Amino acid sequence: ALETRVVIENFPLKITGLDAWDEKLVVGCYEGALLVLGEVDAPPGTSARGDKKMVGSEKHRRFEVVETHKAFSKKPITQVIVLKQKRFVITLAECVNVHSIP
């Protein structure tokens, strides 16, 4: 069986597409922003947003924004694909764009 856990909640932007890149998430937003989120430890006994909701001493993970591209697209980003081997991010907004990952 799969274990379900919330790692992002109450996010201020509308997430419309995402893909994994190693230990990170590349997130496309309705507002045209492209964000990179990195996984960090959450204190024991807290939820993804830091509330005292989860019980126990198990280490929980949550994601925080580590890189922001606010005006990445003038249109909503509807899909994000990371091609790790080629070091590309492909986004779908008003057209298909290919971006190099430094």
PDB file of N, CA and C in Angstrom:
ATOM      1  N   ALA A   1       0.843  -1.190   0.000  1.00  0.00           N
ATOM      2  CA  ALA A   1       0.000   0.000   0.000  1.00  0.00           C
ATOM      3  C   ALA A   1       0.884   1.247   0.000  1.00  0.00           C
ATOM      4  N   LEU A   2       0.382   2.276  -0.598  1.00  0.00           N
ATOM      5  CA  LEU A   2       1.090   3.552  -0.655  1.00  0.00           C
ATOM      6  C   LEU A   2       0.791   4.381   0.581  1.00  0.00           C
ATOM      7  N   GLU A   3       1.798   5.044   1.092  1.00  0.00           N
ATOM      8  CA  GLU A   3       1.609   5.957   2.218  1.00  0.00           C
ATOM      9  C   GLU A   3       1.386   7.357   1.668  1.00  0.00           C
ATOM     10  N   THR A   4       0.339   8.008   2.096  1.00  0.00           N
ATOM     11  CA  THR A   4       0.024   9.355   1.644  1.00  0.00           C
ATOM     12  C   THR A   4       0.384  10.341   2.742  1.00  0.00           C
ATOM     13  N   ARG A   5       1.046  11.426   2.351  1.00  0.00           N
ATOM     14  CA  ARG A   5       1.351  12.486   3.304  1.00  0.00           C
ATOM     15  C   ARG A   5       1.331  13.811   2.577  1.00  0.00           C
ATOM     16  N   VAL A   6       0.889  14.837   3.244  1.00  0.00           N
ATOM     17  CA  VAL A   6       0.844  16.173   2.676  1.00  0.00           C
ATOM     18  C   VAL A   6       2.207  16.817   2.892  1.00  0.00           C
ATOM     19  N   VAL A   7       2.814  17.316   1.806  1.00  0.00           N
ATOM     20  CA  VAL A   7       4.112  17.981   1.923  1.00  0.00           C
ATOM     21  C   VAL A   7       4.022  19.459   1.553  1.00  0.00           C
ATOM     22  N   ILE A   8       2.945  19.841   0.866  1.00  0.00           N
ATOM     23  CA  ILE A   8       2.707  21.247   0.524  1.00  0.00           C
ATOM     24  C   ILE A   8       1.215  21.498   0.744  1.00  0.00           C
ATOM     25  N   GLU A   9       0.898  22.504   1.549  1.00  0.00           N
ATOM     26  CA  GLU A   9      -0.494  22.876   1.743  1.00  0.00           C
ATOM     27  C   GLU A   9      -0.585  24.368   2.028  1.00  0.00           C
ATOM     28  N   ASN A  10      -1.747  24.936   1.750  1.00  0.00           N
ATOM     29  CA  ASN A  10      -1.963  26.381   1.937  1.00  0.00           C
ATOM     30  C   ASN A  10      -0.922  27.202   1.197  1.00  0.00           C
ATOM     31  N   PHE A  11      -0.576  26.775  -0.006  1.00  0.00           N
ATOM     32  CA  PHE A  11       0.424  27.467  -0.809  1.00  0.00           C
ATOM     33  C   PHE A  11      -0.185  28.755  -1.353  1.00  0.00           C
ATOM     34  N   PRO A  12       0.535  29.879  -1.344  1.00  0.00           N
ATOM     35  CA  PRO A  12      -0.056  31.160  -1.747  1.00  0.00           C
ATOM     36  C   PRO A  12      -0.343  31.286  -3.247  1.00  0.00           C
ATOM     37  N   LEU A  13       0.276  30.452  -4.078  1.00  0.00           N
ATOM     38  CA  LEU A  13       0.033  30.472  -5.524  1.00  0.00           C
ATOM     39  C   LEU A  13      -0.701  29.198  -5.923  1.00  0.00           C
ATOM     40  N   LYS A  14      -1.392  29.249  -7.063  1.00  0.00           N
ATOM     41  CA  LYS A  14      -2.111  28.076  -7.549  1.00  0.00           C
ATOM     42  C   LYS A  14      -1.158  27.196  -8.355  1.00  0.00           C
ATOM     43  N   ILE A  15      -0.859  26.020  -7.837  1.00  0.00           N
ATOM     44  CA  ILE A  15       0.034  25.076  -8.506  1.00  0.00           C
ATOM     45  C   ILE A  15      -0.741  24.393  -9.630  1.00  0.00           C
ATOM     46  N   THR A  16      -0.201  24.482 -10.855  1.00  0.00           N
ATOM     47  CA  THR A  16      -0.874  23.898 -12.017  1.00  0.00           C
ATOM     48  C   THR A  16      -0.063  22.790 -12.678  1.00  0.00           C
ATOM     49  N   GLY A  17       1.200  22.634 -12.315  1.00  0.00           N
ATOM     50  CA  GLY A  17       2.032  21.572 -12.865  1.00  0.00           C
ATOM     51  C   GLY A  17       3.282  21.412 -12.029  1.00  0.00           C
ATOM     52  N   LEU A  18       3.801  20.200 -11.961  1.00  0.00           N
ATOM     53  CA  LEU A  18       5.051  19.983 -11.225  1.00  0.00           C
ATOM     54  C   LEU A  18       5.720  18.714 -11.700  1.00  0.00           C
ATOM     55  N   ASP A  19       7.008  18.628 -11.406  1.00  0.00           N
ATOM     56  CA  ASP A  19       7.776  17.429 -11.705  1.00  0.00           C
ATOM     57  C   ASP A  19       8.919  17.353 -10.699  1.00  0.00           C
ATOM     58  N   ALA A  20       9.427  16.159 -10.474  1.00  0.00           N
ATOM     59  CA  ALA A  20      10.530  15.955  -9.542  1.00  0.00           C
ATOM     60  C   ALA A  20      11.860  16.145 -10.256  1.00  0.00           C
ATOM     61  N   TRP A  21      12.824  16.717  -9.529  1.00  0.00           N
ATOM     62  CA  TRP A  21      14.193  16.893 -10.007  1.00  0.00           C
ATOM     63  C   TRP A  21      15.099  16.544  -8.840  1.00  0.00           C
ATOM     64  N   ASP A  22      15.611  15.338  -8.826  1.00  0.00           N
ATOM     65  CA  ASP A  22      16.374  14.801  -7.698  1.00  0.00           C
ATOM     66  C   ASP A  22      15.550  14.950  -6.422  1.00  0.00           C
ATOM     67  N   GLU A  23      16.065  15.669  -5.440  1.00  0.00           N
ATOM     68  CA  GLU A  23      15.357  15.866  -4.167  1.00  0.00           C
ATOM     69  C   GLU A  23      14.495  17.121  -4.184  1.00  0.00           C
ATOM     70  N   LYS A  24      14.255  17.687  -5.353  1.00  0.00           N
ATOM     71  CA  LYS A  24      13.509  18.941  -5.464  1.00  0.00           C
ATOM     72  C   LYS A  24      12.247  18.737  -6.294  1.00  0.00           C
ATOM     73  N   LEU A  25      11.336  19.705  -6.174  1.00  0.00           N
ATOM     74  CA  LEU A  25      10.157  19.766  -7.029  1.00  0.00           C
ATOM     75  C   LEU A  25      10.234  21.045  -7.839  1.00  0.00           C
ATOM     76  N   VAL A  26       9.998  20.941  -9.137  1.00  0.00           N
ATOM     77  CA  VAL A  26       9.897  22.111 -10.000  1.00  0.00           C
ATOM     78  C   VAL A  26       8.402  22.339 -10.191  1.00  0.00           C
ATOM     79  N   VAL A  27       7.927  23.521  -9.786  1.00  0.00           N
ATOM     80  CA  VAL A  27       6.502  23.808  -9.716  1.00  0.00           C
ATOM     81  C   VAL A  27       6.147  24.939 -10.671  1.00  0.00           C
ATOM     82  N   GLY A  28       5.165  24.700 -11.541  1.00  0.00           N
ATOM     83  CA  GLY A  28       4.614  25.731 -12.405  1.00  0.00           C
ATOM     84  C   GLY A  28       3.324  26.249 -11.798  1.00  0.00           C
ATOM     85  N   CYS A  29       3.093  27.550 -11.896  1.00  0.00           N
ATOM     86  CA  CYS A  29       1.934  28.170 -11.253  1.00  0.00           C
ATOM     87  C   CYS A  29       1.036  28.869 -12.264  1.00  0.00           C
ATOM     88  N   TYR A  30      -0.226  28.980 -11.915  1.00  0.00           N
ATOM     89  CA  TYR A  30      -1.215  29.659 -12.742  1.00  0.00           C
ATOM     90  C   TYR A  30      -0.798  31.100 -13.005  1.00  0.00           C
ATOM     91  N   GLU A  31      -0.141  31.723 -12.050  1.00  0.00           N
ATOM     92  CA  GLU A  31       0.290  33.117 -12.154  1.00  0.00           C
ATOM     93  C   GLU A  31       1.495  33.307 -13.072  1.00  0.00           C
ATOM     94  N   GLY A  32       2.054  32.217 -13.608  1.00  0.00           N
ATOM     95  CA  GLY A  32       3.195  32.291 -14.518  1.00  0.00           C
ATOM     96  C   GLY A  32       4.536  32.145 -13.835  1.00  0.00           C
ATOM     97  N   ALA A  33       4.543  31.918 -12.544  1.00  0.00           N
ATOM     98  CA  ALA A  33       5.795  31.744 -11.801  1.00  0.00           C
ATOM     99  C   ALA A  33       6.275  30.297 -11.919  1.00  0.00           C
ATOM    100  N   LEU A  34       7.601  30.129 -11.910  1.00  0.00           N
ATOM    101  CA  LEU A  34       8.213  28.808 -11.853  1.00  0.00           C
ATOM    102  C   LEU A  34       9.046  28.784 -10.584  1.00  0.00           C
ATOM    103  N   LEU A  35       8.808  27.803  -9.732  1.00  0.00           N
ATOM    104  CA  LEU A  35       9.481  27.717  -8.439  1.00  0.00           C
ATOM    105  C   LEU A  35      10.201  26.388  -8.312  1.00  0.00           C
ATOM    106  N   VAL A  36      11.295  26.391  -7.560  1.00  0.00           N
ATOM    107  CA  VAL A  36      11.986  25.161  -7.203  1.00  0.00           C
ATOM    108  C   VAL A  36      11.839  25.016  -5.698  1.00  0.00           C
ATOM    109  N   LEU A  37      11.306  23.873  -5.266  1.00  0.00           N
ATOM    110  CA  LEU A  37      11.105  23.612  -3.855  1.00  0.00           C
ATOM    111  C   LEU A  37      12.043  22.512  -3.411  1.00  0.00           C
ATOM    112  N   GLY A  38      12.680  22.714  -2.267  1.00  0.00           N
ATOM    113  CA  GLY A  38      13.582  21.722  -1.704  1.00  0.00           C
ATOM    114  C   GLY A  38      12.993  21.104  -0.455  1.00  0.00           C
ATOM    115  N   GLU A  39      13.325  19.857  -0.223  1.00  0.00           N
ATOM    116  CA  GLU A  39      12.804  19.127   0.918  1.00  0.00           C
ATOM    117  C   GLU A  39      13.627  19.453   2.165  1.00  0.00           C
ATOM    118  N   VAL A  40      12.926  19.735   3.263  1.00  0.00           N
ATOM    119  CA  VAL A  40      13.582  20.050   4.536  1.00  0.00           C
ATOM    120  C   VAL A  40      12.920  19.238   5.644  1.00  0.00           C
ATOM    121  N   ASP A  41      13.620  19.085   6.756  1.00  0.00           N
ATOM    122  CA  ASP A  41      13.047  18.390   7.905  1.00  0.00           C
ATOM    123  C   ASP A  41      12.011  19.274   8.575  1.00  0.00           C
ATOM    124  N   ALA A  42      10.893  18.685   8.953  1.00  0.00           N
ATOM    125  CA  ALA A  42       9.892  19.371   9.777  1.00  0.00           C
ATOM    126  C   ALA A  42      10.076  18.871  11.201  1.00  0.00           C
ATOM    127  N   PRO A  43       9.908  19.724  12.176  1.00  0.00           N
ATOM    128  CA  PRO A  43      10.052  19.264  13.559  1.00  0.00           C
ATOM    129  C   PRO A  43       9.077  18.120  13.850  1.00  0.00           C
ATOM    130  N   PRO A  44       9.479  17.148  14.675  1.00  0.00           N
ATOM    131  CA  PRO A  44       8.574  16.044  15.010  1.00  0.00           C
ATOM    132  C   PRO A  44       7.261  16.577  15.577  1.00  0.00           C
ATOM    133  N   GLY A  45       6.158  15.920  15.206  1.00  0.00           N
ATOM    134  CA  GLY A  45       4.855  16.300  15.728  1.00  0.00           C
ATOM    135  C   GLY A  45       4.205  17.453  14.994  1.00  0.00           C
ATOM    136  N   THR A  46       4.727  17.836  13.816  1.00  0.00           N
ATOM    137  CA  THR A  46       4.136  18.938  13.068  1.00  0.00           C
ATOM    138  C   THR A  46       3.697  18.471  11.700  1.00  0.00           C
ATOM    139  N   SER A  47       2.791  19.220  11.096  1.00  0.00           N
ATOM    140  CA  SER A  47       2.347  18.927   9.738  1.00  0.00           C
ATOM    141  C   SER A  47       3.259  19.641   8.763  1.00  0.00           C
ATOM    142  N   ALA A  48       2.943  19.577   7.477  1.00  0.00           N
ATOM    143  CA  ALA A  48       3.757  20.226   6.450  1.00  0.00           C
ATOM    144  C   ALA A  48       3.822  21.730   6.664  1.00  0.00           C
ATOM    145  N   ARG A  49       2.764  22.333   7.201  1.00  0.00           N
ATOM    146  CA  ARG A  49       2.784  23.788   7.390  1.00  0.00           C
ATOM    147  C   ARG A  49       3.262  24.192   8.776  1.00  0.00           C
ATOM    148  N   GLY A  50       3.635  23.223   9.604  1.00  0.00           N
ATOM    149  CA  GLY A  50       4.189  23.542  10.910  1.00  0.00           C
ATOM    150  C   GLY A  50       3.205  23.442  12.061  1.00  0.00           C
ATOM    151  N   ASP A  51       1.945  23.072  11.805  1.00  0.00           N
ATOM    152  CA  ASP A  51       0.964  22.924  12.871  1.00  0.00           C
ATOM    153  C   ASP A  51       1.284  21.688  13.707  1.00  0.00           C
ATOM    154  N   LYS A  52       0.809  21.700  14.937  1.00  0.00           N
ATOM    155  CA  LYS A  52       0.976  20.535  15.811  1.00  0.00           C
ATOM    156  C   LYS A  52      -0.127  19.530  15.528  1.00  0.00           C
ATOM    157  N   LYS A  53      -0.087  18.874  14.360  1.00  0.00           N
ATOM    158  CA  LYS A  53      -1.138  17.940  13.972  1.00  0.00           C
ATOM    159  C   LYS A  53      -0.681  16.494  14.009  1.00  0.00           C
ATOM    160  N   MET A  54       0.558  16.232  13.656  1.00  0.00           N
ATOM    161  CA  MET A  54       1.043  14.861  13.595  1.00  0.00           C
ATOM    162  C   MET A  54       1.631  14.485  14.946  1.00  0.00           C
ATOM    163  N   VAL A  55       1.484  13.234  15.291  1.00  0.00           N
ATOM    164  CA  VAL A  55       1.924  12.769  16.595  1.00  0.00           C
ATOM    165  C   VAL A  55       3.066  11.782  16.405  1.00  0.00           C
ATOM    166  N   GLY A  56       3.972  11.751  17.361  1.00  0.00           N
ATOM    167  CA  GLY A  56       5.055  10.787  17.311  1.00  0.00           C
ATOM    168  C   GLY A  56       6.390  11.453  17.057  1.00  0.00           C
ATOM    169  N   SER A  57       7.449  10.665  17.133  1.00  0.00           N
ATOM    170  CA  SER A  57       8.794  11.210  16.978  1.00  0.00           C
ATOM    171  C   SER A  57       9.356  10.978  15.583  1.00  0.00           C
ATOM    172  N   GLU A  58       8.552  10.366  14.680  1.00  0.00           N
ATOM    173  CA  GLU A  58       9.022  10.115  13.317  1.00  0.00           C
ATOM    174  C   GLU A  58       9.381  11.431  12.634  1.00  0.00           C
ATOM    175  N   LYS A  59      10.483  11.433  11.888  1.00  0.00           N
ATOM    176  CA  LYS A  59      10.908  12.623  11.160  1.00  0.00           C
ATOM    177  C   LYS A  59      10.008  12.819   9.945  1.00  0.00           C
ATOM    178  N   HIS A  60       9.414  13.995   9.811  1.00  0.00           N
ATOM    179  CA  HIS A  60       8.542  14.324   8.688  1.00  0.00           C
ATOM    180  C   HIS A  60       9.278  15.282   7.765  1.00  0.00           C
ATOM    181  N   ARG A  61       8.895  15.285   6.503  1.00  0.00           N
ATOM    182  CA  ARG A  61       9.534  16.131   5.505  1.00  0.00           C
ATOM    183  C   ARG A  61       8.512  17.129   4.982  1.00  0.00           C
ATOM    184  N   ARG A  62       8.992  18.296   4.602  1.00  0.00           N
ATOM    185  CA  ARG A  62       8.147  19.290   3.954  1.00  0.00           C
ATOM    186  C   ARG A  62       8.995  19.996   2.918  1.00  0.00           C
ATOM    187  N   PHE A  63       8.362  20.763   2.061  1.00  0.00           N
ATOM    188  CA  PHE A  63       9.074  21.457   0.997  1.00  0.00           C
ATOM    189  C   PHE A  63       8.993  22.959   1.198  1.00  0.00           C
ATOM    190  N   GLU A  64      10.102  23.643   0.935  1.00  0.00           N
ATOM    191  CA  GLU A  64      10.169  25.099   1.001  1.00  0.00           C
ATOM    192  C   GLU A  64      10.735  25.624  -0.317  1.00  0.00           C
ATOM    193  N   VAL A  65      10.330  26.830  -0.685  1.00  0.00           N
ATOM    194  CA  VAL A  65      10.820  27.453  -1.914  1.00  0.00           C
ATOM    195  C   VAL A  65      12.297  27.782  -1.752  1.00  0.00           C
ATOM    196  N   VAL A  66      13.133  27.297  -2.697  1.00  0.00           N
ATOM    197  CA  VAL A  66      14.564  27.586  -2.667  1.00  0.00           C
ATOM    198  C   VAL A  66      14.993  28.439  -3.860  1.00  0.00           C
ATOM    199  N   GLU A  67      14.123  28.527  -4.871  1.00  0.00           N
ATOM    200  CA  GLU A  67      14.427  29.328  -6.056  1.00  0.00           C
ATOM    201  C   GLU A  67      13.112  29.822  -6.652  1.00  0.00           C
ATOM    202  N   THR A  68      13.065  31.098  -7.036  1.00  0.00           N
ATOM    203  CA  THR A  68      11.833  31.696  -7.556  1.00  0.00           C
ATOM    204  C   THR A  68      12.092  32.409  -8.875  1.00  0.00           C
ATOM    205  N   HIS A  69      11.212  32.173  -9.829  1.00  0.00           N
ATOM    206  CA  HIS A  69      11.218  32.888 -11.109  1.00  0.00           C
ATOM    207  C   HIS A  69       9.801  33.439 -11.279  1.00  0.00           C
ATOM    208  N   LYS A  70       9.549  34.633 -10.715  1.00  0.00           N
ATOM    209  CA  LYS A  70       8.195  35.193 -10.641  1.00  0.00           C
ATOM    210  C   LYS A  70       7.579  35.462 -12.009  1.00  0.00           C
ATOM    211  N   ALA A  71       8.279  36.118 -12.891  1.00  0.00           N
ATOM    212  CA  ALA A  71       7.732  36.485 -14.205  1.00  0.00           C
ATOM    213  C   ALA A  71       8.226  35.522 -15.273  1.00  0.00           C
ATOM    214  N   PHE A  72       8.223  34.242 -14.970  1.00  0.00           N
ATOM    215  CA  PHE A  72       8.734  33.229 -15.887  1.00  0.00           C
ATOM    216  C   PHE A  72       7.907  33.160 -17.164  1.00  0.00           C
ATOM    217  N   SER A  73       6.585  33.288 -17.033  1.00  0.00           N
ATOM    218  CA  SER A  73       5.675  33.228 -18.173  1.00  0.00           C
ATOM    219  C   SER A  73       4.567  34.254 -17.980  1.00  0.00           C
ATOM    220  N   LYS A  74       4.105  34.835 -19.079  1.00  0.00           N
ATOM    221  CA  LYS A  74       2.980  35.775 -19.003  1.00  0.00           C
ATOM    222  C   LYS A  74       1.647  35.038 -18.908  1.00  0.00           C
ATOM    223  N   LYS A  75       1.642  33.766 -19.267  1.00  0.00           N
ATOM    224  CA  LYS A  75       0.440  32.929 -19.231  1.00  0.00           C
ATOM    225  C   LYS A  75       0.606  31.857 -18.147  1.00  0.00           C
ATOM    226  N   PRO A  76      -0.494  31.248 -17.707  1.00  0.00           N
ATOM    227  CA  PRO A  76      -0.389  30.166 -16.722  1.00  0.00           C
ATOM    228  C   PRO A  76       0.463  29.008 -17.245  1.00  0.00           C
ATOM    229  N   ILE A  77       1.301  28.476 -16.392  1.00  0.00           N
ATOM    230  CA  ILE A  77       2.087  27.287 -16.732  1.00  0.00           C
ATOM    231  C   ILE A  77       1.201  26.087 -16.421  1.00  0.00           C
ATOM    232  N   THR A  78       0.911  25.281 -17.429  1.00  0.00           N
ATOM    233  CA  THR A  78      -0.022  24.173 -17.235  1.00  0.00           C
ATOM    234  C   THR A  78       0.660  22.811 -17.111  1.00  0.00           C
ATOM    235  N   GLN A  79       1.930  22.740 -17.505  1.00  0.00           N
ATOM    236  CA  GLN A  79       2.639  21.468 -17.396  1.00  0.00           C
ATOM    237  C   GLN A  79       4.128  21.728 -17.250  1.00  0.00           C
ATOM    238  N   VAL A  80       4.792  20.897 -16.442  1.00  0.00           N
ATOM    239  CA  VAL A  80       6.238  20.991 -16.226  1.00  0.00           C
ATOM    240  C   VAL A  80       6.815  19.589 -16.355  1.00  0.00           C
ATOM    241  N   ILE A  81       7.869  19.456 -17.155  1.00  0.00           N
ATOM    242  CA  ILE A  81       8.579  18.182 -17.295  1.00  0.00           C
ATOM    243  C   ILE A  81      10.067  18.460 -17.137  1.00  0.00           C
ATOM    244  N   VAL A  82      10.719  17.710 -16.267  1.00  0.00           N
ATOM    245  CA  VAL A  82      12.160  17.826 -16.070  1.00  0.00           C
ATOM    246  C   VAL A  82      12.832  16.649 -16.765  1.00  0.00           C
ATOM    247  N   LEU A  83      13.755  16.956 -17.677  1.00  0.00           N
ATOM    248  CA  LEU A  83      14.584  15.930 -18.317  1.00  0.00           C
ATOM    249  C   LEU A  83      15.963  16.010 -17.680  1.00  0.00           C
ATOM    250  N   LYS A  84      16.116  15.292 -16.585  1.00  0.00           N
ATOM    251  CA  LYS A  84      17.327  15.380 -15.770  1.00  0.00           C
ATOM    252  C   LYS A  84      18.589  15.029 -16.560  1.00  0.00           C
ATOM    253  N   GLN A  85      18.522  13.976 -17.376  1.00  0.00           N
ATOM    254  CA  GLN A  85      19.695  13.540 -18.126  1.00  0.00           C
ATOM    255  C   GLN A  85      20.168  14.599 -19.117  1.00  0.00           C
ATOM    256  N   LYS A  86      19.244  15.356 -19.688  1.00  0.00           N
ATOM    257  CA  LYS A  86      19.583  16.391 -20.665  1.00  0.00           C
ATOM    258  C   LYS A  86      19.722  17.767 -20.020  1.00  0.00           C
ATOM    259  N   ARG A  87      19.399  17.872 -18.733  1.00  0.00           N
ATOM    260  CA  ARG A  87      19.452  19.131 -17.963  1.00  0.00           C
ATOM    261  C   ARG A  87      18.530  20.186 -18.584  1.00  0.00           C
ATOM    262  N   PHE A  88      17.297  19.765 -18.872  1.00  0.00           N
ATOM    263  CA  PHE A  88      16.277  20.645 -19.437  1.00  0.00           C
ATOM    264  C   PHE A  88      15.030  20.628 -18.566  1.00  0.00           C
ATOM    265  N   VAL A  89      14.326  21.752 -18.552  1.00  0.00           N
ATOM    266  CA  VAL A  89      12.965  21.826 -18.029  1.00  0.00           C
ATOM    267  C   VAL A  89      12.090  22.238 -19.206  1.00  0.00           C
ATOM    268  N   ILE A  90      11.040  21.473 -19.444  1.00  0.00           N
ATOM    269  CA  ILE A  90      10.093  21.805 -20.505  1.00  0.00           C
ATOM    270  C   ILE A  90       8.818  22.295 -19.837  1.00  0.00           C
ATOM    271  N   THR A  91       8.345  23.475 -20.252  1.00  0.00           N
ATOM    272  CA  THR A  91       7.099  24.011 -19.707  1.00  0.00           C
ATOM    273  C   THR A  91       6.095  24.220 -20.828  1.00  0.00           C
ATOM    274  N   LEU A  92       4.846  24.048 -20.471  1.00  0.00           N
ATOM    275  CA  LEU A  92       3.747  24.319 -21.383  1.00  0.00           C
ATOM    276  C   LEU A  92       2.952  25.474 -20.787  1.00  0.00           C
ATOM    277  N   ALA A  93       2.898  26.576 -21.517  1.00  0.00           N
ATOM    278  CA  ALA A  93       2.098  27.740 -21.115  1.00  0.00           C
ATOM    279  C   ALA A  93       1.298  28.122 -22.350  1.00  0.00           C
ATOM    280  N   GLU A  94       1.644  29.222 -22.986  1.00  0.00           N
ATOM    281  CA  GLU A  94       0.987  29.544 -24.250  1.00  0.00           C
ATOM    282  C   GLU A  94       1.652  28.798 -25.408  1.00  0.00           C
ATOM    283  N   CYS A  95       2.854  28.290 -25.177  1.00  0.00           N
ATOM    284  CA  CYS A  95       3.570  27.456 -26.136  1.00  0.00           C
ATOM    285  C   CYS A  95       4.485  26.521 -25.347  1.00  0.00           C
ATOM    286  N   VAL A  96       5.180  25.650 -26.048  1.00  0.00           N
ATOM    287  CA  VAL A  96       6.120  24.735 -25.391  1.00  0.00           C
ATOM    288  C   VAL A  96       7.482  25.410 -25.371  1.00  0.00           C
ATOM    289  N   ASN A  97       8.080  25.486 -24.175  1.00  0.00           N
ATOM    290  CA  ASN A  97       9.393  26.112 -24.006  1.00  0.00           C
ATOM    291  C   ASN A  97      10.371  25.105 -23.416  1.00  0.00           C
ATOM    292  N   VAL A  98      11.610  25.147 -23.852  1.00  0.00           N
ATOM    293  CA  VAL A  98      12.672  24.313 -23.310  1.00  0.00           C
ATOM    294  C   VAL A  98      13.693  25.237 -22.652  1.00  0.00           C
ATOM    295  N   HIS A  99      14.015  24.960 -21.393  1.00  0.00           N
ATOM    296  CA  HIS A  99      14.929  25.803 -20.624  1.00  0.00           C
ATOM    297  C   HIS A  99      16.091  24.962 -20.129  1.00  0.00           C
ATOM    298  N   SER A 100      17.293  25.496 -20.198  1.00  0.00           N
ATOM    299  CA  SER A 100      18.482  24.794 -19.677  1.00  0.00           C
ATOM    300  C   SER A 100      18.546  24.916 -18.172  1.00  0.00           C
ATOM    301  N   ILE A 101      18.948  23.843 -17.516  1.00  0.00           N
ATOM    302  CA  ILE A 101      19.181  23.860 -16.072  1.00  0.00           C
ATOM    303  C   ILE A 101      20.668  24.093 -15.865  1.00  0.00           C
ATOM    304  N   PRO A 102      21.031  25.147 -15.134  1.00  0.00           N
ATOM    305  CA  PRO A 102      22.469  25.412 -14.922  1.00  0.00           C
ATOM    306  C   PRO A 102      23.158  24.322 -14.135  1.00  0.00           C
TER     307      PRO A 102
END
